[in-house]
Amino acid sequence: MRTFRHWTPRYLISRIVEKQYRRIHPDLPWLTQTANQMLDTLILPRDQGLEFGSGRSTLWFANRVRHLTSVEHNPEWHARVNAWLAEKSYQNVDYRLCPGKDHAMNMDDLPEYVQVVKDLPGNSLEFVLIDGIFRDACALLALEKLKPGGFLIIDNANLYLPCRSCSPNSRTEQDGPASRLWGQFILQTKDWRKIWTSNGVSDTAFFFKG
């Protein structure tokens, strides 16, 4: 059952500010304001990247990088974003439709959606954005695909990783990671540099490969 316990005065203010930010910047990725500011300085024209979950970020990256692989599971949304890409005449995006539903992951029998990252060469990417289904498996497998100095971006990270965020439904240290695979992700990135951003509504976290 849906509850409104998180509708505190602090949350309502954060939500109003966040909605205003979206209206003023309709073409930016659906990430926190701080995350978008970071990406504006981190992303370079020579970069190759991968994103799980398409949308505004797809066009934003396509306008700035050498090559982007983008994976989407929703056929209707894929058709819409594909039309946006065609309208802009972007030729540097490998945009893949891999239908499926999120469920407990069997790493010995990966769905097509996750297999995309599995098939990429190691140390081949400057960045990976995790904002779709199967987030734990995609994030875990993407680690070895990043070049040294590359970075992984996880949107809504507070819903999956323990943190001290005030955003709704954030996981605490007592809650622990949201799945066994998220637990493995924490272990594998324990020595990575991390930057955690929040707007009080949702969080976006960066993990930098040493």
Protein backbone atom coordinates (compact mmCIF):
# COMPACT_ATOMS: atom_id res chain seq x y z
CA MET A 1 0.00 0.00 0.00
CA ARG A 2 1.27 3.45 -0.92
CA THR A 3 2.09 5.68 2.03
CA PHE A 4 2.84 9.38 2.34
CA ARG A 5 4.99 9.26 5.47
CA HIS A 6 7.89 10.77 3.54
CA TRP A 7 5.81 13.87 2.66
CA THR A 8 7.51 16.02 5.26
CA PRO A 9 7.98 19.80 4.84
CA ARG A 10 11.62 19.15 3.93
CA TYR A 11 10.64 16.65 1.24
CA LEU A 12 7.94 18.91 -0.21
CA ILE A 13 10.42 21.76 -0.57
CA SER A 14 12.93 19.41 -2.23
CA ARG A 15 10.25 18.13 -4.59
CA ILE A 16 9.20 21.65 -5.62
CA VAL A 17 12.83 22.63 -6.26
CA GLU A 18 13.43 19.44 -8.24
CA LYS A 19 10.34 19.98 -10.43
CA GLN A 20 11.35 23.56 -11.12
CA TYR A 21 14.82 22.37 -12.14
CA ARG A 22 13.26 19.89 -14.61
CA ARG A 23 11.09 22.61 -16.15
CA ILE A 24 14.00 25.01 -16.59
CA HIS A 25 16.31 22.29 -18.01
CA PRO A 26 14.04 19.95 -20.02
CA ASP A 27 16.89 18.51 -22.11
CA LEU A 28 19.18 17.41 -19.28
CA PRO A 29 19.43 13.79 -18.07
CA TRP A 30 16.94 12.86 -15.37
CA LEU A 31 19.62 12.87 -12.67
CA THR A 32 20.33 15.15 -9.74
CA GLN A 33 21.42 18.68 -10.52
CA THR A 34 24.86 18.05 -9.02
CA ALA A 35 25.24 14.88 -11.10
CA ASN A 36 24.45 16.77 -14.30
CA GLN A 37 26.94 19.48 -13.40
CA MET A 38 29.59 16.81 -12.85
CA LEU A 39 28.84 15.10 -16.16
CA ASP A 40 29.15 18.41 -17.99
CA THR A 41 32.82 18.52 -16.98
CA LEU A 42 33.60 14.78 -16.97
CA ILE A 43 32.28 13.78 -20.40
CA LEU A 44 34.71 14.30 -23.30
CA PRO A 45 34.16 14.14 -27.10
CA ARG A 46 36.44 11.11 -27.44
CA ASP A 47 34.52 9.05 -24.86
CA GLN A 48 32.72 5.77 -25.43
CA GLY A 49 29.91 4.96 -23.04
CA LEU A 50 27.10 2.59 -22.17
CA GLU A 51 23.72 3.31 -20.62
CA PHE A 52 20.98 1.03 -19.35
CA GLY A 53 17.67 2.86 -19.51
CA SER A 54 17.26 5.43 -22.26
CA GLY A 55 15.68 8.87 -22.45
CA ARG A 56 16.90 12.44 -22.25
CA SER A 57 20.32 11.16 -21.28
CA THR A 58 20.58 9.30 -24.60
CA LEU A 59 20.35 12.46 -26.66
CA TRP A 60 22.50 14.40 -24.20
CA PHE A 61 25.31 11.82 -24.42
CA ALA A 62 24.93 11.41 -28.20
CA ASN A 63 25.60 15.11 -28.65
CA ARG A 64 28.81 14.91 -26.64
CA VAL A 65 30.58 11.57 -27.08
CA ARG A 66 32.20 9.53 -29.83
CA HIS A 67 29.99 6.48 -29.33
CA LEU A 68 27.16 5.39 -27.03
CA THR A 69 25.56 1.98 -26.58
CA SER A 70 22.09 2.39 -25.09
CA VAL A 71 19.87 -0.47 -23.88
CA GLU A 72 16.10 -0.18 -23.39
CA HIS A 73 13.54 -2.81 -22.33
CA ASN A 74 10.27 -0.97 -23.05
CA PRO A 75 9.23 -1.20 -26.75
CA GLU A 76 7.01 1.91 -26.67
CA TRP A 77 9.67 4.04 -25.02
CA HIS A 78 12.34 2.64 -27.35
CA ALA A 79 10.26 3.74 -30.35
CA ARG A 80 9.86 7.22 -28.90
CA VAL A 81 13.54 7.73 -28.13
CA ASN A 82 14.50 6.22 -31.48
CA ALA A 83 12.36 8.87 -33.17
CA TRP A 84 14.17 11.58 -31.20
CA LEU A 85 17.53 10.20 -32.33
CA ALA A 86 16.37 10.09 -35.95
CA GLU A 87 15.10 13.66 -35.73
CA LYS A 88 18.57 14.79 -34.57
CA SER A 89 20.28 12.55 -37.16
CA TYR A 90 22.63 11.05 -34.59
CA GLN A 91 24.72 8.23 -36.08
CA ASN A 92 26.91 7.47 -33.06
CA VAL A 93 24.36 5.54 -30.96
CA ASP A 94 23.95 1.77 -30.96
CA TYR A 95 20.40 1.76 -29.59
CA ARG A 96 19.18 -1.70 -28.61
CA LEU A 97 15.74 -2.96 -27.65
CA CYS A 98 16.00 -5.90 -25.22
CA PRO A 99 12.49 -6.57 -23.84
CA GLY A 100 12.16 -8.14 -20.42
CA LYS A 101 11.03 -7.71 -16.85
CA ASP A 102 13.19 -7.22 -13.80
CA HIS A 103 13.48 -10.30 -11.59
CA ALA A 104 15.97 -12.16 -9.43
CA MET A 105 19.11 -12.67 -11.47
CA ASN A 106 20.70 -15.98 -12.39
CA MET A 107 24.22 -15.02 -13.43
CA ASP A 108 24.64 -18.35 -15.23
CA ASP A 109 21.75 -17.58 -17.58
CA LEU A 110 21.83 -13.88 -18.33
CA PRO A 111 18.89 -12.23 -20.13
CA GLU A 112 19.64 -10.44 -23.41
CA TYR A 113 19.39 -7.09 -21.62
CA VAL A 114 22.31 -7.88 -19.31
CA GLN A 115 24.23 -9.85 -21.94
CA VAL A 116 24.90 -6.57 -23.75
CA VAL A 117 27.43 -5.52 -21.11
CA LYS A 118 28.79 -9.06 -20.81
CA ASP A 119 29.71 -9.07 -24.50
CA LEU A 120 31.62 -5.77 -24.47
CA PRO A 121 35.44 -5.83 -24.30
CA GLY A 122 37.09 -5.22 -20.95
CA ASN A 123 38.53 -1.76 -20.21
CA SER A 124 36.73 -0.30 -23.24
CA LEU A 125 34.44 2.36 -21.74
CA GLU A 126 34.91 5.77 -20.16
CA PHE A 127 31.50 5.73 -18.46
CA VAL A 128 28.45 3.57 -17.75
CA LEU A 129 25.04 4.85 -16.61
CA ILE A 130 22.81 2.40 -14.72
CA ASP A 131 19.18 3.56 -14.87
CA GLY A 132 17.13 0.61 -16.12
CA ILE A 133 16.14 -2.92 -15.09
CA PHE A 134 18.49 -5.59 -13.68
CA ARG A 135 20.49 -2.76 -12.14
CA ASP A 136 22.50 -4.92 -9.76
CA ALA A 137 23.73 -7.33 -12.46
CA CYS A 138 24.40 -4.54 -14.95
CA ALA A 139 26.35 -2.51 -12.40
CA LEU A 140 28.40 -5.49 -11.24
CA LEU A 141 29.31 -6.66 -14.74
CA ALA A 142 30.08 -3.14 -15.94
CA LEU A 143 32.96 -2.71 -13.48
CA GLU A 144 35.47 -4.66 -15.58
CA LYS A 145 34.35 -2.86 -18.76
CA LEU A 146 35.48 0.54 -17.48
CA LYS A 147 38.89 1.88 -18.34
CA PRO A 148 41.10 2.96 -15.43
CA GLY A 149 39.87 6.43 -14.56
CA GLY A 150 36.43 5.64 -15.97
CA PHE A 151 33.30 5.96 -13.89
CA LEU A 152 29.99 4.26 -13.18
CA ILE A 153 26.83 6.30 -12.52
CA ILE A 154 23.94 4.73 -10.59
CA ASP A 155 20.68 6.65 -10.54
CA ASN A 156 18.38 6.13 -7.55
CA ALA A 157 21.37 4.60 -5.79
CA ASN A 158 19.72 5.21 -2.41
CA LEU A 159 17.14 2.52 -3.21
CA TYR A 160 19.81 -0.16 -3.62
CA LEU A 161 22.88 0.75 -1.55
CA PRO A 162 23.11 1.63 2.15
CA CYS A 163 23.52 5.38 2.62
CA ARG A 164 22.69 8.36 4.81
CA SER A 165 20.34 9.99 2.34
CA CYS A 166 17.16 11.80 3.37
CA SER A 167 15.48 10.86 0.07
CA PRO A 168 12.38 8.63 0.45
CA ASN A 169 12.85 4.86 0.84
CA SER A 170 16.63 5.15 1.21
CA ARG A 171 18.39 2.06 2.53
CA THR A 172 20.26 2.37 5.82
CA GLU A 173 23.35 0.53 7.04
CA GLN A 174 20.96 -1.67 9.05
CA ASP A 175 18.99 -2.49 5.88
CA GLY A 176 22.12 -3.45 3.98
CA PRO A 177 22.27 -3.75 0.17
CA ALA A 178 19.09 -4.52 -1.74
CA SER A 179 20.37 -7.84 -3.13
CA ARG A 180 23.24 -10.31 -3.01
CA LEU A 181 24.64 -8.81 -6.23
CA TRP A 182 24.58 -5.32 -4.74
CA GLY A 183 26.55 -6.75 -1.84
CA GLN A 184 29.17 -8.03 -4.29
CA PHE A 185 29.20 -4.63 -5.97
CA ILE A 186 29.99 -2.95 -2.65
CA LEU A 187 32.91 -5.32 -2.05
CA GLN A 188 34.36 -4.81 -5.52
CA THR A 189 34.16 -1.01 -5.31
CA LYS A 190 35.25 -0.59 -1.69
CA ASP A 191 38.53 1.06 -2.75
CA TRP A 192 37.01 3.16 -5.54
CA ARG A 193 36.53 6.90 -5.16
CA LYS A 194 32.84 7.66 -4.69
CA ILE A 195 30.76 10.81 -4.97
CA TRP A 196 27.17 10.62 -3.74
CA THR A 197 24.70 13.31 -4.81
CA SER A 198 21.13 13.91 -3.64
CA ASN A 199 18.35 16.41 -4.20
CA GLY A 200 16.17 15.15 -1.36
CA VAL A 201 13.91 13.31 -3.81
CA SER A 202 16.35 10.86 -5.39
CA ASP A 203 20.10 10.21 -5.42
CA THR A 204 22.73 9.70 -8.10
CA ALA A 205 26.08 8.10 -7.15
CA PHE A 206 29.40 8.08 -9.02
CA PHE A 207 32.05 5.34 -8.65
CA PHE A 208 35.47 6.06 -10.15
CA LYS A 209 37.73 3.19 -11.18
CA GLY A 210 41.28 3.56 -9.92
